[in-house]
Structures are given as structure tokens and as C-alpha cells.
Amino acid sequence: MIRVLGLMVLGFGLLAPTAVSLSAAQEHHDQMKHEWNDGENESWRRYLKERHRKDHDWEHASKKERSDYWKWRDRHHDDDHHDNHR
């Protein structure tokens, strides 16, 4: 029983870096497929307003906030009146 638990802990330990790496790769892909321009600034402001968040520049956004924004952005690109989304 202890041997099985040890193997499970070792297995999870080996898989954890892979999961983190995949998550980072997805975030990088999400950011690279978007072109930041004036239209994107409008979308960022709309995102903040919808979430009742204090207005702040993209440069001051946390990593999680940026990730959440790109997820939101992918769901709302059809709402755009400008061509700034791939």
C-alpha cells in the first residue's frame, strides 16, 4: 500500500510541471493571436465596466486578470464593430 501511494505521489510530481507548462503555453498562444490597438482598448474598458472593476491600463493588470480578459474577449469578439480580432 505504501509503495502504491509513493508511486502515485511520484507520478503526480512528474505530471505537475507538464500541466503548468501547458497552461503557460495556452496563455502565450491566447496573447499572441490578438493585436492590441485602439479597438482593443475599447474592449478592455468594456470588460472592466461589465465587471464593475476600477478603470486601469492593461499594463497594470495582473496575470490572472489578463488571462480572464482574453477568455472573455474570445467569447465577445462577435460584438466588435472594429476589426482588431483575428
PDB file of N, CA and C in Angstrom:
ATOM      1  N   MET A   1       0.824  -1.198   0.000  1.00  0.00           N
ATOM      2  CA  MET A   1       0.000   0.000   0.000  1.00  0.00           C
ATOM      3  C   MET A   1       0.868   1.262   0.000  1.00  0.00           C
ATOM      4  N   ILE A   2       1.898   1.288   0.830  1.00  0.00           N
ATOM      5  CA  ILE A   2       2.791   2.443   0.891  1.00  0.00           C
ATOM      6  C   ILE A   2       3.512   2.629  -0.435  1.00  0.00           C
ATOM      7  N   ARG A   3       3.871   1.515  -1.066  1.00  0.00           N
ATOM      8  CA  ARG A   3       4.551   1.571  -2.368  1.00  0.00           C
ATOM      9  C   ARG A   3       3.638   2.207  -3.422  1.00  0.00           C
ATOM     10  N   VAL A   4       2.358   1.852  -3.400  1.00  0.00           N
ATOM     11  CA  VAL A   4       1.396   2.405  -4.357  1.00  0.00           C
ATOM     12  C   VAL A   4       1.234   3.908  -4.127  1.00  0.00           C
ATOM     13  N   LEU A   5       1.109   4.295  -2.866  1.00  0.00           N
ATOM     14  CA  LEU A   5       0.988   5.720  -2.561  1.00  0.00           C
ATOM     15  C   LEU A   5       2.242   6.480  -2.983  1.00  0.00           C
ATOM     16  N   GLY A   6       3.389   5.889  -2.754  1.00  0.00           N
ATOM     17  CA  GLY A   6       4.647   6.511  -3.170  1.00  0.00           C
ATOM     18  C   GLY A   6       4.707   6.698  -4.674  1.00  0.00           C
ATOM     19  N   LEU A   7       4.276   5.693  -5.411  1.00  0.00           N
ATOM     20  CA  LEU A   7       4.264   5.790  -6.874  1.00  0.00           C
ATOM     21  C   LEU A   7       3.274   6.854  -7.350  1.00  0.00           C
ATOM     22  N   MET A   8       2.137   6.955  -6.663  1.00  0.00           N
ATOM     23  CA  MET A   8       1.156   7.974  -7.038  1.00  0.00           C
ATOM     24  C   MET A   8       1.710   9.373  -6.796  1.00  0.00           C
ATOM     25  N   VAL A   9       2.341   9.571  -5.660  1.00  0.00           N
ATOM     26  CA  VAL A   9       2.931  10.878  -5.357  1.00  0.00           C
ATOM     27  C   VAL A   9       4.008  11.208  -6.384  1.00  0.00           C
ATOM     28  N   LEU A  10       4.840  10.249  -6.705  1.00  0.00           N
ATOM     29  CA  LEU A  10       5.882  10.459  -7.709  1.00  0.00           C
ATOM     30  C   LEU A  10       5.261  10.794  -9.067  1.00  0.00           C
ATOM     31  N   GLY A  11       4.213  10.069  -9.442  1.00  0.00           N
ATOM     32  CA  GLY A  11       3.540  10.324 -10.722  1.00  0.00           C
ATOM     33  C   GLY A  11       2.958  11.721 -10.799  1.00  0.00           C
ATOM     34  N   PHE A  12       2.268  12.139  -9.737  1.00  0.00           N
ATOM     35  CA  PHE A  12       1.712  13.488  -9.715  1.00  0.00           C
ATOM     36  C   PHE A  12       2.814  14.540  -9.744  1.00  0.00           C
ATOM     37  N   GLY A  13       3.898  14.250  -9.061  1.00  0.00           N
ATOM     38  CA  GLY A  13       5.038  15.174  -9.056  1.00  0.00           C
ATOM     39  C   GLY A  13       5.637  15.350 -10.433  1.00  0.00           C
ATOM     40  N   LEU A  14       5.645  14.287 -11.207  1.00  0.00           N
ATOM     41  CA  LEU A  14       6.179  14.364 -12.564  1.00  0.00           C
ATOM     42  C   LEU A  14       5.210  15.030 -13.531  1.00  0.00           C
ATOM     43  N   LEU A  15       3.914  14.894 -13.281  1.00  0.00           N
ATOM     44  CA  LEU A  15       2.909  15.475 -14.179  1.00  0.00           C
ATOM     45  C   LEU A  15       2.659  16.960 -13.913  1.00  0.00           C
ATOM     46  N   ALA A  16       2.857  17.415 -12.702  1.00  0.00           N
ATOM     47  CA  ALA A  16       2.555  18.807 -12.347  1.00  0.00           C
ATOM     48  C   ALA A  16       3.278  19.817 -13.243  1.00  0.00           C
ATOM     49  N   PRO A  17       4.591  19.668 -13.479  1.00  0.00           N
ATOM     50  CA  PRO A  17       5.259  20.648 -14.355  1.00  0.00           C
ATOM     51  C   PRO A  17       4.690  20.662 -15.771  1.00  0.00           C
ATOM     52  N   THR A  18       4.247  19.508 -16.248  1.00  0.00           N
ATOM     53  CA  THR A  18       3.653  19.436 -17.584  1.00  0.00           C
ATOM     54  C   THR A  18       2.358  20.242 -17.626  1.00  0.00           C
ATOM     55  N   ALA A  19       1.525  20.116 -16.609  1.00  0.00           N
ATOM     56  CA  ALA A  19       0.266  20.864 -16.556  1.00  0.00           C
ATOM     57  C   ALA A  19       0.529  22.359 -16.505  1.00  0.00           C
ATOM     58  N   VAL A  20       1.491  22.776 -15.711  1.00  0.00           N
ATOM     59  CA  VAL A  20       1.843  24.197 -15.617  1.00  0.00           C
ATOM     60  C   VAL A  20       2.370  24.692 -16.956  1.00  0.00           C
ATOM     61  N   SER A  21       3.202  23.896 -17.589  1.00  0.00           N
ATOM     62  CA  SER A  21       3.775  24.269 -18.879  1.00  0.00           C
ATOM     63  C   SER A  21       2.688  24.413 -19.942  1.00  0.00           C
ATOM     64  N   LEU A  22       1.737  23.500 -19.959  1.00  0.00           N
ATOM     65  CA  LEU A  22       0.643  23.577 -20.929  1.00  0.00           C
ATOM     66  C   LEU A  22      -0.212  24.810 -20.693  1.00  0.00           C
ATOM     67  N   SER A  23      -0.468  25.130 -19.434  1.00  0.00           N
ATOM     68  CA  SER A  23      -1.243  26.314 -19.106  1.00  0.00           C
ATOM     69  C   SER A  23      -0.532  27.582 -19.575  1.00  0.00           C
ATOM     70  N   ALA A  24       0.761  27.659 -19.341  1.00  0.00           N
ATOM     71  CA  ALA A  24       1.541  28.819 -19.774  1.00  0.00           C
ATOM     72  C   ALA A  24       1.568  28.920 -21.295  1.00  0.00           C
ATOM     73  N   ALA A  25       1.686  27.791 -21.973  1.00  0.00           N
ATOM     74  CA  ALA A  25       1.701  27.787 -23.438  1.00  0.00           C
ATOM     75  C   ALA A  25       0.366  28.279 -23.990  1.00  0.00           C
ATOM     76  N   GLN A  26      -0.747  27.866 -23.375  1.00  0.00           N
ATOM     77  CA  GLN A  26      -2.070  28.312 -23.820  1.00  0.00           C
ATOM     78  C   GLN A  26      -2.224  29.810 -23.636  1.00  0.00           C
ATOM     79  N   GLU A  27      -1.778  30.316 -22.491  1.00  0.00           N
ATOM     80  CA  GLU A  27      -1.874  31.752 -22.232  1.00  0.00           C
ATOM     81  C   GLU A  27      -1.043  32.533 -23.249  1.00  0.00           C
ATOM     82  N   HIS A  28       0.151  32.050 -23.545  1.00  0.00           N
ATOM     83  CA  HIS A  28       1.008  32.720 -24.527  1.00  0.00           C
ATOM     84  C   HIS A  28       0.330  32.712 -25.898  1.00  0.00           C
ATOM     85  N   HIS A  29      -0.250  31.584 -26.272  1.00  0.00           N
ATOM     86  CA  HIS A  29      -0.954  31.475 -27.551  1.00  0.00           C
ATOM     87  C   HIS A  29      -2.116  32.462 -27.610  1.00  0.00           C
ATOM     88  N   ASP A  30      -2.901  32.549 -26.520  1.00  0.00           N
ATOM     89  CA  ASP A  30      -4.037  33.470 -26.475  1.00  0.00           C
ATOM     90  C   ASP A  30      -3.576  34.907 -26.683  1.00  0.00           C
ATOM     91  N   GLN A  31      -2.480  35.280 -26.026  1.00  0.00           N
ATOM     92  CA  GLN A  31      -1.999  36.655 -26.139  1.00  0.00           C
ATOM     93  C   GLN A  31      -1.415  36.932 -27.518  1.00  0.00           C
ATOM     94  N   MET A  32      -0.771  35.955 -28.121  1.00  0.00           N
ATOM     95  CA  MET A  32      -0.128  36.161 -29.416  1.00  0.00           C
ATOM     96  C   MET A  32      -1.136  36.258 -30.561  1.00  0.00           C
ATOM     97  N   LYS A  33      -2.315  35.688 -30.396  1.00  0.00           N
ATOM     98  CA  LYS A  33      -3.281  35.721 -31.502  1.00  0.00           C
ATOM     99  C   LYS A  33      -4.083  37.016 -31.535  1.00  0.00           C
ATOM    100  N   HIS A  34      -3.840  37.913 -30.600  1.00  0.00           N
ATOM    101  CA  HIS A  34      -4.543  39.185 -30.537  1.00  0.00           C
ATOM    102  C   HIS A  34      -3.594  40.331 -30.842  1.00  0.00           C
ATOM    103  N   GLU A  35      -4.098  41.284 -31.566  1.00  0.00           N
ATOM    104  CA  GLU A  35      -3.332  42.502 -31.852  1.00  0.00           C
ATOM    105  C   GLU A  35      -3.900  43.619 -30.991  1.00  0.00           C
ATOM    106  N   TRP A  36      -3.081  44.220 -30.169  1.00  0.00           N
ATOM    107  CA  TRP A  36      -3.556  45.297 -29.292  1.00  0.00           C
ATOM    108  C   TRP A  36      -3.566  46.598 -30.071  1.00  0.00           C
ATOM    109  N   ASN A  37      -4.695  47.275 -30.108  1.00  0.00           N
ATOM    110  CA  ASN A  37      -4.828  48.561 -30.787  1.00  0.00           C
ATOM    111  C   ASN A  37      -5.912  49.374 -30.076  1.00  0.00           C
ATOM    112  N   ASP A  38      -6.322  50.480 -30.652  1.00  0.00           N
ATOM    113  CA  ASP A  38      -7.337  51.330 -30.014  1.00  0.00           C
ATOM    114  C   ASP A  38      -8.643  50.579 -29.772  1.00  0.00           C
ATOM    115  N   GLY A  39      -9.007  49.734 -30.717  1.00  0.00           N
ATOM    116  CA  GLY A  39     -10.220  48.941 -30.554  1.00  0.00           C
ATOM    117  C   GLY A  39     -10.114  47.994 -29.373  1.00  0.00           C
ATOM    118  N   GLU A  40      -8.928  47.446 -29.186  1.00  0.00           N
ATOM    119  CA  GLU A  40      -8.712  46.551 -28.049  1.00  0.00           C
ATOM    120  C   GLU A  40      -8.822  47.324 -26.736  1.00  0.00           C
ATOM    121  N   ASN A  41      -8.359  48.568 -26.750  1.00  0.00           N
ATOM    122  CA  ASN A  41      -8.517  49.415 -25.562  1.00  0.00           C
ATOM    123  C   ASN A  41      -9.989  49.594 -25.218  1.00  0.00           C
ATOM    124  N   GLU A  42     -10.819  49.785 -26.245  1.00  0.00           N
ATOM    125  CA  GLU A  42     -12.268  49.914 -26.018  1.00  0.00           C
ATOM    126  C   GLU A  42     -12.821  48.646 -25.385  1.00  0.00           C
ATOM    127  N   SER A  43     -12.407  47.501 -25.886  1.00  0.00           N
ATOM    128  CA  SER A  43     -12.879  46.226 -25.349  1.00  0.00           C
ATOM    129  C   SER A  43     -12.410  46.035 -23.913  1.00  0.00           C
ATOM    130  N   TRP A  44     -11.176  46.429 -23.618  1.00  0.00           N
ATOM    131  CA  TRP A  44     -10.639  46.327 -22.261  1.00  0.00           C
ATOM    132  C   TRP A  44     -11.483  47.166 -21.297  1.00  0.00           C
ATOM    133  N   ARG A  45     -11.819  48.380 -21.717  1.00  0.00           N
ATOM    134  CA  ARG A  45     -12.640  49.257 -20.883  1.00  0.00           C
ATOM    135  C   ARG A  45     -14.024  48.646 -20.657  1.00  0.00           C
ATOM    136  N   ARG A  46     -14.601  48.068 -21.705  1.00  0.00           N
ATOM    137  CA  ARG A  46     -15.915  47.436 -21.594  1.00  0.00           C
ATOM    138  C   ARG A  46     -15.848  46.235 -20.641  1.00  0.00           C
ATOM    139  N   TYR A  47     -14.773  45.457 -20.745  1.00  0.00           N
ATOM    140  CA  TYR A  47     -14.563  44.316 -19.858  1.00  0.00           C
ATOM    141  C   TYR A  47     -14.535  44.769 -18.400  1.00  0.00           C
ATOM    142  N   LEU A  48     -13.765  45.822 -18.129  1.00  0.00           N
ATOM    143  CA  LEU A  48     -13.669  46.328 -16.756  1.00  0.00           C
ATOM    144  C   LEU A  48     -15.020  46.838 -16.258  1.00  0.00           C
ATOM    145  N   LYS A  49     -15.729  47.555 -17.107  1.00  0.00           N
ATOM    146  CA  LYS A  49     -17.026  48.119 -16.725  1.00  0.00           C
ATOM    147  C   LYS A  49     -18.035  47.017 -16.427  1.00  0.00           C
ATOM    148  N   GLU A  50     -18.069  45.986 -17.266  1.00  0.00           N
ATOM    149  CA  GLU A  50     -19.006  44.881 -17.048  1.00  0.00           C
ATOM    150  C   GLU A  50     -18.748  44.171 -15.730  1.00  0.00           C
ATOM    151  N   ARG A  51     -17.511  44.178 -15.296  1.00  0.00           N
ATOM    152  CA  ARG A  51     -17.140  43.503 -14.048  1.00  0.00           C
ATOM    153  C   ARG A  51     -17.075  44.451 -12.855  1.00  0.00           C
ATOM    154  N   HIS A  52     -17.492  45.701 -13.091  1.00  0.00           N
ATOM    155  CA  HIS A  52     -17.500  46.719 -12.026  1.00  0.00           C
ATOM    156  C   HIS A  52     -16.113  46.858 -11.402  1.00  0.00           C
ATOM    157  N   ARG A  53     -15.107  46.833 -12.274  1.00  0.00           N
ATOM    158  CA  ARG A  53     -13.726  46.970 -11.826  1.00  0.00           C
ATOM    159  C   ARG A  53     -13.267  48.398 -12.061  1.00  0.00           C
ATOM    160  N   LYS A  54     -12.371  48.858 -11.218  1.00  0.00           N
ATOM    161  CA  LYS A  54     -11.798  50.186 -11.370  1.00  0.00           C
ATOM    162  C   LYS A  54     -11.036  50.246 -12.694  1.00  0.00           C
ATOM    163  N   ASP A  55     -11.222  51.343 -13.417  1.00  0.00           N
ATOM    164  CA  ASP A  55     -10.536  51.514 -14.693  1.00  0.00           C
ATOM    165  C   ASP A  55      -9.029  51.605 -14.478  1.00  0.00           C
ATOM    166  N   HIS A  56      -8.289  50.799 -15.230  1.00  0.00           N
ATOM    167  CA  HIS A  56      -6.828  50.832 -15.176  1.00  0.00           C
ATOM    168  C   HIS A  56      -6.278  50.325 -16.501  1.00  0.00           C
ATOM    169  N   ASP A  57      -5.067  50.728 -16.795  1.00  0.00           N
ATOM    170  CA  ASP A  57      -4.432  50.339 -18.049  1.00  0.00           C
ATOM    171  C   ASP A  57      -4.058  48.867 -18.036  1.00  0.00           C
ATOM    172  N   TRP A  58      -3.979  48.305 -19.227  1.00  0.00           N
ATOM    173  CA  TRP A  58      -3.602  46.908 -19.420  1.00  0.00           C
ATOM    174  C   TRP A  58      -2.265  46.592 -18.745  1.00  0.00           C
ATOM    175  N   GLU A  59      -1.349  47.536 -18.799  1.00  0.00           N
ATOM    176  CA  GLU A  59      -0.017  47.313 -18.234  1.00  0.00           C
ATOM    177  C   GLU A  59      -0.059  47.063 -16.729  1.00  0.00           C
ATOM    178  N   HIS A  60      -1.124  47.512 -16.072  1.00  0.00           N
ATOM    179  CA  HIS A  60      -1.260  47.349 -14.623  1.00  0.00           C
ATOM    180  C   HIS A  60      -2.122  46.144 -14.246  1.00  0.00           C
ATOM    181  N   ALA A  61      -2.580  45.395 -15.235  1.00  0.00           N
ATOM    182  CA  ALA A  61      -3.424  44.234 -14.967  1.00  0.00           C
ATOM    183  C   ALA A  61      -2.565  43.065 -14.473  1.00  0.00           C
ATOM    184  N   SER A  62      -3.130  42.285 -13.571  1.00  0.00           N
ATOM    185  CA  SER A  62      -2.424  41.099 -13.082  1.00  0.00           C
ATOM    186  C   SER A  62      -2.439  40.018 -14.166  1.00  0.00           C
ATOM    187  N   LYS A  63      -1.615  39.022 -13.981  1.00  0.00           N
ATOM    188  CA  LYS A  63      -1.546  37.914 -14.928  1.00  0.00           C
ATOM    189  C   LYS A  63      -2.905  37.211 -15.033  1.00  0.00           C
ATOM    190  N   LYS A  64      -3.562  37.009 -13.893  1.00  0.00           N
ATOM    191  CA  LYS A  64      -4.873  36.358 -13.898  1.00  0.00           C
ATOM    192  C   LYS A  64      -5.907  37.223 -14.605  1.00  0.00           C
ATOM    193  N   GLU A  65      -5.862  38.517 -14.345  1.00  0.00           N
ATOM    194  CA  GLU A  65      -6.815  39.418 -14.980  1.00  0.00           C
ATOM    195  C   GLU A  65      -6.626  39.415 -16.494  1.00  0.00           C
ATOM    196  N   ARG A  66      -5.388  39.401 -16.933  1.00  0.00           N
ATOM    197  CA  ARG A  66      -5.125  39.344 -18.379  1.00  0.00           C
ATOM    198  C   ARG A  66      -5.654  38.050 -18.985  1.00  0.00           C
ATOM    199  N   SER A  67      -5.406  36.955 -18.300  1.00  0.00           N
ATOM    200  CA  SER A  67      -5.888  35.665 -18.785  1.00  0.00           C
ATOM    201  C   SER A  67      -7.416  35.649 -18.850  1.00  0.00           C
ATOM    202  N   ASP A  68      -8.064  36.146 -17.798  1.00  0.00           N
ATOM    203  CA  ASP A  68      -9.529  36.209 -17.777  1.00  0.00           C
ATOM    204  C   ASP A  68     -10.049  37.111 -18.890  1.00  0.00           C
ATOM    205  N   TYR A  69      -9.338  38.211 -19.146  1.00  0.00           N
ATOM    206  CA  TYR A  69      -9.751  39.123 -20.212  1.00  0.00           C
ATOM    207  C   TYR A  69      -9.733  38.416 -21.558  1.00  0.00           C
ATOM    208  N   TRP A  70      -8.658  37.684 -21.871  1.00  0.00           N
ATOM    209  CA  TRP A  70      -8.566  37.032 -23.180  1.00  0.00           C
ATOM    210  C   TRP A  70      -9.658  35.971 -23.340  1.00  0.00           C
ATOM    211  N   LYS A  71      -9.991  35.292 -22.255  1.00  0.00           N
ATOM    212  CA  LYS A  71     -11.098  34.329 -22.329  1.00  0.00           C
ATOM    213  C   LYS A  71     -12.405  35.058 -22.630  1.00  0.00           C
ATOM    214  N   TRP A  72     -12.632  36.158 -21.921  1.00  0.00           N
ATOM    215  CA  TRP A  72     -13.822  36.973 -22.162  1.00  0.00           C
ATOM    216  C   TRP A  72     -13.818  37.496 -23.595  1.00  0.00           C
ATOM    217  N   ARG A  73     -12.666  37.942 -24.033  1.00  0.00           N
ATOM    218  CA  ARG A  73     -12.518  38.541 -25.359  1.00  0.00           C
ATOM    219  C   ARG A  73     -12.877  37.552 -26.458  1.00  0.00           C
ATOM    220  N   ASP A  74     -12.431  36.307 -26.282  1.00  0.00           N
ATOM    221  CA  ASP A  74     -12.737  35.282 -27.285  1.00  0.00           C
ATOM    222  C   ASP A  74     -14.232  35.001 -27.358  1.00  0.00           C
ATOM    223  N   ARG A  75     -14.932  35.171 -26.257  1.00  0.00           N
ATOM    224  CA  ARG A  75     -16.386  34.956 -26.251  1.00  0.00           C
ATOM    225  C   ARG A  75     -17.144  36.157 -26.795  1.00  0.00           C
ATOM    226  N   HIS A  76     -16.517  37.327 -26.853  1.00  0.00           N
ATOM    227  CA  HIS A  76     -17.210  38.552 -27.236  1.00  0.00           C
ATOM    228  C   HIS A  76     -16.710  39.177 -28.541  1.00  0.00           C
ATOM    229  N   HIS A  77     -15.880  38.487 -29.271  1.00  0.00           N
ATOM    230  CA  HIS A  77     -15.337  39.115 -30.483  1.00  0.00           C
ATOM    231  C   HIS A  77     -16.399  39.414 -31.523  1.00  0.00           C
ATOM    232  N   ASP A  78     -17.524  38.721 -31.485  1.00  0.00           N
ATOM    233  CA  ASP A  78     -18.599  38.993 -32.441  1.00  0.00           C
ATOM    234  C   ASP A  78     -19.292  40.323 -32.166  1.00  0.00           C
ATOM    235  N   ASP A  79     -19.105  40.864 -30.972  1.00  0.00           N
ATOM    236  CA  ASP A  79     -19.717  42.142 -30.598  1.00  0.00           C
ATOM    237  C   ASP A  79     -18.958  43.338 -31.156  1.00  0.00           C
ATOM    238  N   ASP A  80     -17.794  43.099 -31.712  1.00  0.00           N
ATOM    239  CA  ASP A  80     -16.935  44.186 -32.167  1.00  0.00           C
ATOM    240  C   ASP A  80     -17.510  44.897 -33.380  1.00  0.00           C
ATOM    241  N   HIS A  81     -17.253  46.177 -33.399  1.00  0.00           N
ATOM    242  CA  HIS A  81     -17.584  46.991 -34.578  1.00  0.00           C
ATOM    243  C   HIS A  81     -16.313  47.415 -35.287  1.00  0.00           C
ATOM    244  N   HIS A  82     -15.214  46.825 -34.897  1.00  0.00           N
ATOM    245  CA  HIS A  82     -13.919  47.132 -35.493  1.00  0.00           C
ATOM    246  C   HIS A  82     -13.194  45.825 -35.704  1.00  0.00           C
ATOM    247  N   ASP A  83     -12.257  45.822 -36.599  1.00  0.00           N
ATOM    248  CA  ASP A  83     -11.557  44.603 -36.959  1.00  0.00           C
ATOM    249  C   ASP A  83     -10.220  44.551 -36.233  1.00  0.00           C
ATOM    250  N   ASN A  84     -10.249  44.118 -34.981  1.00  0.00           N
ATOM    251  CA  ASN A  84      -8.992  44.019 -34.243  1.00  0.00           C
ATOM    252  C   ASN A  84      -8.815  42.630 -33.657  1.00  0.00           C
ATOM    253  N   HIS A  85      -9.651  41.729 -34.049  1.00  0.00           N
ATOM    254  CA  HIS A  85      -9.566  40.375 -33.508  1.00  0.00           C
ATOM    255  C   HIS A  85      -9.424  39.404 -34.652  1.00  0.00           C
ATOM    256  N   ARG A  86      -8.545  38.516 -34.534  1.00  0.00           N
ATOM    257  CA  ARG A  86      -8.262  37.544 -35.588  1.00  0.00           C
ATOM    258  C   ARG A  86      -9.439  36.695 -35.925  1.00  0.00           C
TER     259      ARG A  86
END
